[in-house]
Amino acid sequence: MYAIIETGGKQYRVAEGSICKVEKLPAETGAEVIFEKVLAVKNENGMQVGTPYVEGAKVSARVLSHGKGKKVIVFKYKPKKNYRKKQGHRQPFTQVVIQGIELPAG
């Protein structure tokens, strides 16, 4: 059984027990978060696709840690004009473990 959830403007395919890095969430380490924007759920009964979300479906997860991703270098350059600008960026993330996928009864 797996679900496709939306958080932070991105979509993730998650299964029970899987660990994934999502955009930074305002939750403490060890706290439980609920993702209610479930786009699709696949289980033994088949695929259930929402329009745009599956009504009543929830994915619960526990926050493992917060961190920053690898550094990305942004380098701007204009030839023959002596213009060079170097900037680095590290995107913050939250690492979560998926605890359960709930579907509405029926």
PDB file of N, CA and C in Angstrom:
ATOM      1  N   MET A   1       0.846  -1.179   0.000  1.00  0.00           N
ATOM      2  CA  MET A   1       0.000   0.000   0.000  1.00  0.00           C
ATOM      3  C   MET A   1       0.886   1.235   0.000  1.00  0.00           C
ATOM      4  N   TYR A   2       0.573   2.169  -0.881  1.00  0.00           N
ATOM      5  CA  TYR A   2       1.310   3.422  -0.906  1.00  0.00           C
ATOM      6  C   TYR A   2       0.357   4.570  -1.211  1.00  0.00           C
ATOM      7  N   ALA A   3       0.844   5.794  -0.957  1.00  0.00           N
ATOM      8  CA  ALA A   3       0.048   6.986  -1.213  1.00  0.00           C
ATOM      9  C   ALA A   3       0.932   8.042  -1.855  1.00  0.00           C
ATOM     10  N   ILE A   4       0.309   8.955  -2.577  1.00  0.00           N
ATOM     11  CA  ILE A   4       1.012  10.101  -3.134  1.00  0.00           C
ATOM     12  C   ILE A   4       0.471  11.322  -2.408  1.00  0.00           C
ATOM     13  N   ILE A   5       1.381  12.021  -1.695  1.00  0.00           N
ATOM     14  CA  ILE A   5       0.976  13.181  -0.910  1.00  0.00           C
ATOM     15  C   ILE A   5       1.590  14.444  -1.490  1.00  0.00           C
ATOM     16  N   GLU A   6       1.011  15.582  -1.121  1.00  0.00           N
ATOM     17  CA  GLU A   6       1.542  16.872  -1.555  1.00  0.00           C
ATOM     18  C   GLU A   6       1.869  17.688  -0.308  1.00  0.00           C
ATOM     19  N   THR A   7       3.110  18.184  -0.245  1.00  0.00           N
ATOM     20  CA  THR A   7       3.514  19.070   0.833  1.00  0.00           C
ATOM     21  C   THR A   7       4.650  19.952   0.341  1.00  0.00           C
ATOM     22  N   GLY A   8       4.597  21.216   0.696  1.00  0.00           N
ATOM     23  CA  GLY A   8       5.635  22.149   0.282  1.00  0.00           C
ATOM     24  C   GLY A   8       5.703  22.363  -1.215  1.00  0.00           C
ATOM     25  N   GLY A   9       4.573  22.188  -1.916  1.00  0.00           N
ATOM     26  CA  GLY A   9       4.546  22.392  -3.357  1.00  0.00           C
ATOM     27  C   GLY A   9       5.129  21.243  -4.162  1.00  0.00           C
ATOM     28  N   LYS A  10       5.463  20.143  -3.489  1.00  0.00           N
ATOM     29  CA  LYS A  10       6.032  18.976  -4.169  1.00  0.00           C
ATOM     30  C   LYS A  10       5.186  17.749  -3.860  1.00  0.00           C
ATOM     31  N   GLN A  11       5.331  16.721  -4.689  1.00  0.00           N
ATOM     32  CA  GLN A  11       4.591  15.481  -4.491  1.00  0.00           C
ATOM     33  C   GLN A  11       5.558  14.363  -4.152  1.00  0.00           C
ATOM     34  N   TYR A  12       5.155  13.492  -3.213  1.00  0.00           N
ATOM     35  CA  TYR A  12       6.001  12.395  -2.747  1.00  0.00           C
ATOM     36  C   TYR A  12       5.198  11.104  -2.738  1.00  0.00           C
ATOM     37  N   ARG A  13       5.845  10.013  -3.156  1.00  0.00           N
ATOM     38  CA  ARG A  13       5.248   8.681  -3.077  1.00  0.00           C
ATOM     39  C   ARG A  13       5.746   8.057  -1.787  1.00  0.00           C
ATOM     40  N   VAL A  14       4.834   7.754  -0.863  1.00  0.00           N
ATOM     41  CA  VAL A  14       5.214   7.248   0.447  1.00  0.00           C
ATOM     42  C   VAL A  14       4.502   5.937   0.738  1.00  0.00           C
ATOM     43  N   ALA A  15       5.181   5.090   1.482  1.00  0.00           N
ATOM     44  CA  ALA A  15       4.603   3.840   1.965  1.00  0.00           C
ATOM     45  C   ALA A  15       4.809   3.788   3.472  1.00  0.00           C
ATOM     46  N   GLU A  16       4.082   2.920   4.147  1.00  0.00           N
ATOM     47  CA  GLU A  16       4.195   2.799   5.592  1.00  0.00           C
ATOM     48  C   GLU A  16       5.601   2.337   5.967  1.00  0.00           C
ATOM     49  N   GLY A  17       6.243   3.071   6.876  1.00  0.00           N
ATOM     50  CA  GLY A  17       7.591   2.734   7.307  1.00  0.00           C
ATOM     51  C   GLY A  17       8.692   3.396   6.503  1.00  0.00           C
ATOM     52  N   SER A  18       8.348   4.083   5.414  1.00  0.00           N
ATOM     53  CA  SER A  18       9.380   4.715   4.589  1.00  0.00           C
ATOM     54  C   SER A  18       9.821   6.039   5.207  1.00  0.00           C
ATOM     55  N   ILE A  19      11.079   6.397   4.940  1.00  0.00           N
ATOM     56  CA  ILE A  19      11.659   7.644   5.428  1.00  0.00           C
ATOM     57  C   ILE A  19      11.855   8.552   4.231  1.00  0.00           C
ATOM     58  N   CYS A  20      11.397   9.804   4.338  1.00  0.00           N
ATOM     59  CA  CYS A  20      11.569  10.732   3.225  1.00  0.00           C
ATOM     60  C   CYS A  20      11.883  12.125   3.749  1.00  0.00           C
ATOM     61  N   LYS A  21      12.550  12.907   2.894  1.00  0.00           N
ATOM     62  CA  LYS A  21      12.891  14.291   3.206  1.00  0.00           C
ATOM     63  C   LYS A  21      11.895  15.183   2.485  1.00  0.00           C
ATOM     64  N   VAL A  22      11.177  15.995   3.257  1.00  0.00           N
ATOM     65  CA  VAL A  22      10.203  16.922   2.691  1.00  0.00           C
ATOM     66  C   VAL A  22      10.659  18.345   2.986  1.00  0.00           C
ATOM     67  N   GLU A  23      10.006  19.330   2.371  1.00  0.00           N
ATOM     68  CA  GLU A  23      10.311  20.730   2.658  1.00  0.00           C
ATOM     69  C   GLU A  23      10.107  20.973   4.150  1.00  0.00           C
ATOM     70  N   LYS A  24      10.850  21.915   4.700  1.00  0.00           N
ATOM     71  CA  LYS A  24      10.856  22.145   6.144  1.00  0.00           C
ATOM     72  C   LYS A  24       9.447  22.383   6.697  1.00  0.00           C
ATOM     73  N   LEU A  25       9.123  21.654   7.766  1.00  0.00           N
ATOM     74  CA  LEU A  25       7.827  21.766   8.425  1.00  0.00           C
ATOM     75  C   LEU A  25       7.990  22.448   9.783  1.00  0.00           C
ATOM     76  N   PRO A  26       6.996  23.222  10.218  1.00  0.00           N
ATOM     77  CA  PRO A  26       7.086  23.876  11.524  1.00  0.00           C
ATOM     78  C   PRO A  26       6.673  22.929  12.649  1.00  0.00           C
ATOM     79  N   ALA A  27       7.434  21.864  12.864  1.00  0.00           N
ATOM     80  CA  ALA A  27       7.130  20.877  13.902  1.00  0.00           C
ATOM     81  C   ALA A  27       8.419  20.495  14.623  1.00  0.00           C
ATOM     82  N   GLU A  28       8.295  20.181  15.897  1.00  0.00           N
ATOM     83  CA  GLU A  28       9.440  19.773  16.703  1.00  0.00           C
ATOM     84  C   GLU A  28       9.863  18.348  16.342  1.00  0.00           C
ATOM     85  N   THR A  29      11.117  18.017  16.660  1.00  0.00           N
ATOM     86  CA  THR A  29      11.605  16.652  16.464  1.00  0.00           C
ATOM     87  C   THR A  29      10.825  15.711  17.371  1.00  0.00           C
ATOM     88  N   GLY A  30      10.333  14.610  16.819  1.00  0.00           N
ATOM     89  CA  GLY A  30       9.541  13.648  17.575  1.00  0.00           C
ATOM     90  C   GLY A  30       8.050  13.897  17.514  1.00  0.00           C
ATOM     91  N   ALA A  31       7.635  15.044  16.990  1.00  0.00           N
ATOM     92  CA  ALA A  31       6.206  15.370  16.897  1.00  0.00           C
ATOM     93  C   ALA A  31       5.560  14.606  15.750  1.00  0.00           C
ATOM     94  N   GLU A  32       4.249  14.436  15.847  1.00  0.00           N
ATOM     95  CA  GLU A  32       3.509  13.751  14.796  1.00  0.00           C
ATOM     96  C   GLU A  32       2.869  14.795  13.884  1.00  0.00           C
ATOM     97  N   VAL A  33       2.971  14.575  12.583  1.00  0.00           N
ATOM     98  CA  VAL A  33       2.347  15.463  11.603  1.00  0.00           C
ATOM     99  C   VAL A  33       1.380  14.650  10.756  1.00  0.00           C
ATOM    100  N   ILE A  34       0.319  15.309  10.307  1.00  0.00           N
ATOM    101  CA  ILE A  34      -0.698  14.677   9.478  1.00  0.00           C
ATOM    102  C   ILE A  34      -0.696  15.368   8.121  1.00  0.00           C
ATOM    103  N   PHE A  35      -0.566  14.587   7.059  1.00  0.00           N
ATOM    104  CA  PHE A  35      -0.665  15.110   5.693  1.00  0.00           C
ATOM    105  C   PHE A  35      -2.067  14.792   5.189  1.00  0.00           C
ATOM    106  N   GLU A  36      -2.871  15.833   4.957  1.00  0.00           N
ATOM    107  CA  GLU A  36      -4.248  15.622   4.509  1.00  0.00           C
ATOM    108  C   GLU A  36      -4.410  15.815   3.009  1.00  0.00           C
ATOM    109  N   LYS A  37      -3.375  16.349   2.344  1.00  0.00           N
ATOM    110  CA  LYS A  37      -3.426  16.521   0.894  1.00  0.00           C
ATOM    111  C   LYS A  37      -2.926  15.239   0.234  1.00  0.00           C
ATOM    112  N   VAL A  38      -3.806  14.245   0.166  1.00  0.00           N
ATOM    113  CA  VAL A  38      -3.477  12.945  -0.426  1.00  0.00           C
ATOM    114  C   VAL A  38      -4.053  12.924  -1.834  1.00  0.00           C
ATOM    115  N   LEU A  39      -3.166  12.795  -2.827  1.00  0.00           N
ATOM    116  CA  LEU A  39      -3.596  12.831  -4.232  1.00  0.00           C
ATOM    117  C   LEU A  39      -4.102  11.486  -4.721  1.00  0.00           C
ATOM    118  N   ALA A  40      -3.467  10.387  -4.260  1.00  0.00           N
ATOM    119  CA  ALA A  40      -3.861   9.056  -4.704  1.00  0.00           C
ATOM    120  C   ALA A  40      -3.442   8.030  -3.664  1.00  0.00           C
ATOM    121  N   VAL A  41      -4.176   6.923  -3.617  1.00  0.00           N
ATOM    122  CA  VAL A  41      -3.852   5.822  -2.709  1.00  0.00           C
ATOM    123  C   VAL A  41      -3.980   4.519  -3.488  1.00  0.00           C
ATOM    124  N   LYS A  42      -2.969   3.665  -3.363  1.00  0.00           N
ATOM    125  CA  LYS A  42      -2.986   2.336  -4.012  1.00  0.00           C
ATOM    126  C   LYS A  42      -2.974   1.297  -2.908  1.00  0.00           C
ATOM    127  N   ASN A  43      -3.971   0.420  -2.889  1.00  0.00           N
ATOM    128  CA  ASN A  43      -4.008  -0.674  -1.921  1.00  0.00           C
ATOM    129  C   ASN A  43      -4.480  -1.941  -2.622  1.00  0.00           C
ATOM    130  N   GLU A  44      -4.802  -2.964  -1.837  1.00  0.00           N
ATOM    131  CA  GLU A  44      -5.184  -4.249  -2.433  1.00  0.00           C
ATOM    132  C   GLU A  44      -6.492  -4.163  -3.225  1.00  0.00           C
ATOM    133  N   ASN A  45      -7.323  -3.141  -2.954  1.00  0.00           N
ATOM    134  CA  ASN A  45      -8.581  -2.973  -3.679  1.00  0.00           C
ATOM    135  C   ASN A  45      -8.424  -2.222  -4.997  1.00  0.00           C
ATOM    136  N   GLY A  46      -7.241  -1.676  -5.239  1.00  0.00           N
ATOM    137  CA  GLY A  46      -7.004  -0.936  -6.469  1.00  0.00           C
ATOM    138  C   GLY A  46      -6.530   0.476  -6.187  1.00  0.00           C
ATOM    139  N   MET A  47      -6.536   1.281  -7.231  1.00  0.00           N
ATOM    140  CA  MET A  47      -6.061   2.657  -7.144  1.00  0.00           C
ATOM    141  C   MET A  47      -7.237   3.591  -6.902  1.00  0.00           C
ATOM    142  N   GLN A  48      -7.057   4.514  -5.968  1.00  0.00           N
ATOM    143  CA  GLN A  48      -8.076   5.521  -5.685  1.00  0.00           C
ATOM    144  C   GLN A  48      -7.446   6.885  -5.930  1.00  0.00           C
ATOM    145  N   VAL A  49      -7.938   7.611  -6.924  1.00  0.00           N
ATOM    146  CA  VAL A  49      -7.369   8.894  -7.315  1.00  0.00           C
ATOM    147  C   VAL A  49      -8.345   9.993  -6.944  1.00  0.00           C
ATOM    148  N   GLY A  50      -7.835  11.071  -6.358  1.00  0.00           N
ATOM    149  CA  GLY A  50      -8.672  12.182  -5.935  1.00  0.00           C
ATOM    150  C   GLY A  50      -8.859  13.211  -7.025  1.00  0.00           C
ATOM    151  N   THR A  51      -9.803  14.137  -6.786  1.00  0.00           N
ATOM    152  CA  THR A  51     -10.052  15.227  -7.729  1.00  0.00           C
ATOM    153  C   THR A  51     -10.088  16.547  -6.986  1.00  0.00           C
ATOM    154  N   PRO A  52      -9.060  17.208  -6.605  1.00  0.00           N
ATOM    155  CA  PRO A  52      -7.663  16.810  -6.722  1.00  0.00           C
ATOM    156  C   PRO A  52      -7.177  15.942  -5.573  1.00  0.00           C
ATOM    157  N   TYR A  53      -7.907  15.904  -4.441  1.00  0.00           N
ATOM    158  CA  TYR A  53      -7.463  15.119  -3.280  1.00  0.00           C
ATOM    159  C   TYR A  53      -8.487  14.035  -2.960  1.00  0.00           C
ATOM    160  N   VAL A  54      -8.000  12.933  -2.358  1.00  0.00           N
ATOM    161  CA  VAL A  54      -8.879  11.851  -1.914  1.00  0.00           C
ATOM    162  C   VAL A  54      -9.540  12.318  -0.618  1.00  0.00           C
ATOM    163  N   GLU A  55     -10.867  12.384  -0.613  1.00  0.00           N
ATOM    164  CA  GLU A  55     -11.586  12.896   0.550  1.00  0.00           C
ATOM    165  C   GLU A  55     -11.479  11.946   1.727  1.00  0.00           C
ATOM    166  N   GLY A  56     -11.117  12.486   2.877  1.00  0.00           N
ATOM    167  CA  GLY A  56     -11.042  11.694   4.104  1.00  0.00           C
ATOM    168  C   GLY A  56      -9.759  10.920   4.290  1.00  0.00           C
ATOM    169  N   ALA A  57      -8.882  10.909   3.305  1.00  0.00           N
ATOM    170  CA  ALA A  57      -7.621  10.160   3.417  1.00  0.00           C
ATOM    171  C   ALA A  57      -6.597  10.994   4.168  1.00  0.00           C
ATOM    172  N   LYS A  58      -5.815  10.320   5.026  1.00  0.00           N
ATOM    173  CA  LYS A  58      -4.781  10.993   5.811  1.00  0.00           C
ATOM    174  C   LYS A  58      -3.545  10.118   5.845  1.00  0.00           C
ATOM    175  N   VAL A  59      -2.390  10.767   5.889  1.00  0.00           N
ATOM    176  CA  VAL A  59      -1.120  10.074   6.071  1.00  0.00           C
ATOM    177  C   VAL A  59      -0.473  10.661   7.319  1.00  0.00           C
ATOM    178  N   SER A  60      -0.196   9.804   8.308  1.00  0.00           N
ATOM    179  CA  SER A  60       0.431  10.277   9.538  1.00  0.00           C
ATOM    180  C   SER A  60       1.914   9.947   9.506  1.00  0.00           C
ATOM    181  N   ALA A  61       2.723  10.887  10.035  1.00  0.00           N
ATOM    182  CA  ALA A  61       4.173  10.721  10.029  1.00  0.00           C
ATOM    183  C   ALA A  61       4.746  11.290  11.320  1.00  0.00           C
ATOM    184  N   ARG A  62       5.969  10.865  11.647  1.00  0.00           N
ATOM    185  CA  ARG A  62       6.681  11.374  12.818  1.00  0.00           C
ATOM    186  C   ARG A  62       7.951  12.049  12.340  1.00  0.00           C
ATOM    187  N   VAL A  63       8.253  13.224  12.901  1.00  0.00           N
ATOM    188  CA  VAL A  63       9.429  13.994  12.516  1.00  0.00           C
ATOM    189  C   VAL A  63      10.665  13.360  13.136  1.00  0.00           C
ATOM    190  N   LEU A  64      11.638  12.991  12.306  1.00  0.00           N
ATOM    191  CA  LEU A  64      12.897  12.423  12.798  1.00  0.00           C
ATOM    192  C   LEU A  64      13.916  13.508  13.070  1.00  0.00           C
ATOM    193  N   SER A  65      14.098  14.425  12.109  1.00  0.00           N
ATOM    194  CA  SER A  65      15.113  15.466  12.278  1.00  0.00           C
ATOM    195  C   SER A  65      14.874  16.589  11.276  1.00  0.00           C
ATOM    196  N   HIS A  66      15.585  17.686  11.516  1.00  0.00           N
ATOM    197  CA  HIS A  66      15.624  18.811  10.596  1.00  0.00           C
ATOM    198  C   HIS A  66      17.066  18.958  10.127  1.00  0.00           C
ATOM    199  N   GLY A  67      17.261  19.492   8.935  1.00  0.00           N
ATOM    200  CA  GLY A  67      18.623  19.671   8.440  1.00  0.00           C
ATOM    201  C   GLY A  67      18.651  20.560   7.217  1.00  0.00           C
ATOM    202  N   LYS A  68      19.844  20.642   6.627  1.00  0.00           N
ATOM    203  CA  LYS A  68      20.036  21.400   5.397  1.00  0.00           C
ATOM    204  C   LYS A  68      20.624  20.481   4.346  1.00  0.00           C
ATOM    205  N   GLY A  69      20.218  20.672   3.104  1.00  0.00           N
ATOM    206  CA  GLY A  69      20.705  19.860   1.997  1.00  0.00           C
ATOM    207  C   GLY A  69      22.110  20.262   1.579  1.00  0.00           C
ATOM    208  N   LYS A  70      22.595  19.628   0.515  1.00  0.00           N
ATOM    209  CA  LYS A  70      23.917  19.950  -0.018  1.00  0.00           C
ATOM    210  C   LYS A  70      23.933  21.371  -0.565  1.00  0.00           C
ATOM    211  N   LYS A  71      25.096  21.988  -0.540  1.00  0.00           N
ATOM    212  CA  LYS A  71      25.228  23.361  -1.012  1.00  0.00           C
ATOM    213  C   LYS A  71      25.119  23.415  -2.535  1.00  0.00           C
ATOM    214  N   VAL A  72      24.341  24.381  -2.995  1.00  0.00           N
ATOM    215  CA  VAL A  72      24.193  24.652  -4.419  1.00  0.00           C
ATOM    216  C   VAL A  72      24.839  26.009  -4.676  1.00  0.00           C
ATOM    217  N   ILE A  73      25.740  26.068  -5.655  1.00  0.00           N
ATOM    218  CA  ILE A  73      26.427  27.312  -5.989  1.00  0.00           C
ATOM    219  C   ILE A  73      25.654  28.021  -7.096  1.00  0.00           C
ATOM    220  N   VAL A  74      25.333  29.301  -6.855  1.00  0.00           N
ATOM    221  CA  VAL A  74      24.681  30.147  -7.860  1.00  0.00           C
ATOM    222  C   VAL A  74      25.744  31.133  -8.330  1.00  0.00           C
ATOM    223  N   PHE A  75      26.150  31.045  -9.597  1.00  0.00           N
ATOM    224  CA  PHE A  75      27.210  31.892 -10.120  1.00  0.00           C
ATOM    225  C   PHE A  75      26.671  32.683 -11.304  1.00  0.00           C
ATOM    226  N   LYS A  76      26.637  34.017 -11.146  1.00  0.00           N
ATOM    227  CA  LYS A  76      26.188  34.895 -12.224  1.00  0.00           C
ATOM    228  C   LYS A  76      27.426  35.507 -12.867  1.00  0.00           C
ATOM    229  N   TYR A  77      27.398  35.615 -14.211  1.00  0.00           N
ATOM    230  CA  TYR A  77      28.585  36.040 -14.949  1.00  0.00           C
ATOM    231  C   TYR A  77      28.160  36.723 -16.237  1.00  0.00           C
ATOM    232  N   LYS A  78      28.760  37.892 -16.499  1.00  0.00           N
ATOM    233  CA  LYS A  78      28.534  38.575 -17.774  1.00  0.00           C
ATOM    234  C   LYS A  78      29.886  38.760 -18.451  1.00  0.00           C
ATOM    235  N   PRO A  79      30.035  38.218 -19.646  1.00  0.00           N
ATOM    236  CA  PRO A  79      31.342  38.310 -20.303  1.00  0.00           C
ATOM    237  C   PRO A  79      31.720  39.748 -20.673  1.00  0.00           C
ATOM    238  N   LYS A  80      32.988  40.044 -20.548  1.00  0.00           N
ATOM    239  CA  LYS A  80      33.591  41.328 -20.945  1.00  0.00           C
ATOM    240  C   LYS A  80      33.132  42.523 -20.114  1.00  0.00           C
ATOM    241  N   LYS A  81      32.392  42.316 -19.048  1.00  0.00           N
ATOM    242  CA  LYS A  81      31.880  43.421 -18.236  1.00  0.00           C
ATOM    243  C   LYS A  81      32.405  43.381 -16.791  1.00  0.00           C
ATOM    244  N   ASN A  82      33.295  42.445 -16.470  1.00  0.00           N
ATOM    245  CA  ASN A  82      33.861  42.291 -15.134  1.00  0.00           C
ATOM    246  C   ASN A  82      32.764  42.146 -14.069  1.00  0.00           C
ATOM    247  N   TYR A  83      31.722  41.390 -14.418  1.00  0.00           N
ATOM    248  CA  TYR A  83      30.617  41.151 -13.487  1.00  0.00           C
ATOM    249  C   TYR A  83      30.599  39.679 -13.128  1.00  0.00           C
ATOM    250  N   ARG A  84      30.868  39.393 -11.867  1.00  0.00           N
ATOM    251  CA  ARG A  84      30.821  38.027 -11.354  1.00  0.00           C
ATOM    252  C   ARG A  84      30.201  38.070  -9.966  1.00  0.00           C
ATOM    253  N   LYS A  85      29.230  37.206  -9.728  1.00  0.00           N
ATOM    254  CA  LYS A  85      28.574  37.163  -8.426  1.00  0.00           C
ATOM    255  C   LYS A  85      28.415  35.705  -8.028  1.00  0.00           C
ATOM    256  N   LYS A  86      28.989  35.327  -6.889  1.00  0.00           N
ATOM    257  CA  LYS A  86      28.915  33.946  -6.419  1.00  0.00           C
ATOM    258  C   LYS A  86      28.094  33.908  -5.138  1.00  0.00           C
ATOM    259  N   GLN A  87      27.145  32.976  -5.102  1.00  0.00           N
ATOM    260  CA  GLN A  87      26.285  32.855  -3.938  1.00  0.00           C
ATOM    261  C   GLN A  87      26.003  31.378  -3.705  1.00  0.00           C
ATOM    262  N   GLY A  88      25.967  30.969  -2.448  1.00  0.00           N
ATOM    263  CA  GLY A  88      25.654  29.589  -2.094  1.00  0.00           C
ATOM    264  C   GLY A  88      24.286  29.496  -1.440  1.00  0.00           C
ATOM    265  N   HIS A  89      23.680  28.314  -1.506  1.00  0.00           N
ATOM    266  CA  HIS A  89      22.357  28.097  -0.909  1.00  0.00           C
ATOM    267  C   HIS A  89      22.250  26.659  -0.419  1.00  0.00           C
ATOM    268  N   ARG A  90      21.717  26.490   0.792  1.00  0.00           N
ATOM    269  CA  ARG A  90      21.431  25.162   1.325  1.00  0.00           C
ATOM    270  C   ARG A  90      19.958  25.120   1.708  1.00  0.00           C
ATOM    271  N   GLN A  91      19.207  24.262   1.040  1.00  0.00           N
ATOM    272  CA  GLN A  91      17.765  24.176   1.251  1.00  0.00           C
ATOM    273  C   GLN A  91      17.451  23.416   2.538  1.00  0.00           C
ATOM    274  N   PRO A  92      16.667  24.010   3.452  1.00  0.00           N
ATOM    275  CA  PRO A  92      16.305  23.293   4.675  1.00  0.00           C
ATOM    276  C   PRO A  92      15.278  22.201   4.386  1.00  0.00           C
ATOM    277  N   PHE A  93      15.334  21.102   5.151  1.00  0.00           N
ATOM    278  CA  PHE A  93      14.396  19.992   4.976  1.00  0.00           C
ATOM    279  C   PHE A  93      14.014  19.415   6.333  1.00  0.00           C
ATOM    280  N   THR A  94      12.969  18.613   6.335  1.00  0.00           N
ATOM    281  CA  THR A  94      12.538  17.858   7.500  1.00  0.00           C
ATOM    282  C   THR A  94      12.486  16.392   7.090  1.00  0.00           C
ATOM    283  N   GLN A  95      13.113  15.546   7.887  1.00  0.00           N
ATOM    284  CA  GLN A  95      13.108  14.111   7.610  1.00  0.00           C
ATOM    285  C   GLN A  95      11.995  13.472   8.438  1.00  0.00           C
ATOM    286  N   VAL A  96      11.084  12.761   7.766  1.00  0.00           N
ATOM    287  CA  VAL A  96       9.945  12.143   8.449  1.00  0.00           C
ATOM    288  C   VAL A  96       9.890  10.654   8.137  1.00  0.00           C
ATOM    289  N   VAL A  97       9.313   9.890   9.075  1.00  0.00           N
ATOM    290  CA  VAL A  97       9.044   8.472   8.847  1.00  0.00           C
ATOM    291  C   VAL A  97       7.526   8.315   8.816  1.00  0.00           C
ATOM    292  N   ILE A  98       7.025   7.627   7.798  1.00  0.00           N
ATOM    293  CA  ILE A  98       5.586   7.453   7.609  1.00  0.00           C
ATOM    294  C   ILE A  98       5.100   6.351   8.547  1.00  0.00           C
ATOM    295  N   GLN A  99       4.086   6.690   9.362  1.00  0.00           N
ATOM    296  CA  GLN A  99       3.576   5.720  10.336  1.00  0.00           C
ATOM    297  C   GLN A  99       2.327   4.997   9.861  1.00  0.00           C
ATOM    298  N   GLY A 100       1.486   5.681   9.106  1.00  0.00           N
ATOM    299  CA  GLY A 100       0.257   5.012   8.664  1.00  0.00           C
ATOM    300  C   GLY A 100      -0.461   5.785   7.570  1.00  0.00           C
ATOM    301  N   ILE A 101      -1.234   5.041   6.780  1.00  0.00           N
ATOM    302  CA  ILE A 101      -2.059   5.621   5.721  1.00  0.00           C
ATOM    303  C   ILE A 101      -3.504   5.244   6.051  1.00  0.00           C
ATOM    304  N   GLU A 102      -4.354   6.255   6.250  1.00  0.00           N
ATOM    305  CA  GLU A 102      -5.741   6.018   6.610  1.00  0.00           C
ATOM    306  C   GLU A 102      -6.662   6.372   5.446  1.00  0.00           C
ATOM    307  N   LEU A 103      -7.606   5.500   5.178  1.00  0.00           N
ATOM    308  CA  LEU A 103      -8.617   5.746   4.156  1.00  0.00           C
ATOM    309  C   LEU A 103      -9.966   5.881   4.826  1.00  0.00           C
ATOM    310  N   PRO A 104     -10.888   6.648   4.233  1.00  0.00           N
ATOM    311  CA  PRO A 104     -12.229   6.732   4.818  1.00  0.00           C
ATOM    312  C   PRO A 104     -12.956   5.396   4.674  1.00  0.00           C
ATOM    313  N   ALA A 105     -13.793   5.094   5.626  1.00  0.00           N
ATOM    314  CA  ALA A 105     -14.561   3.831   5.584  1.00  0.00           C
ATOM    315  C   ALA A 105     -15.566   3.899   4.445  1.00  0.00           C
ATOM    316  N   GLY A 106     -15.596   2.823   3.670  1.00  0.00           N
ATOM    317  CA  GLY A 106     -16.597   2.782   2.612  1.00  0.00           C
ATOM    318  C   GLY A 106     -16.098   2.456   1.294  1.00  0.00           C
TER     319      GLY A 106
END
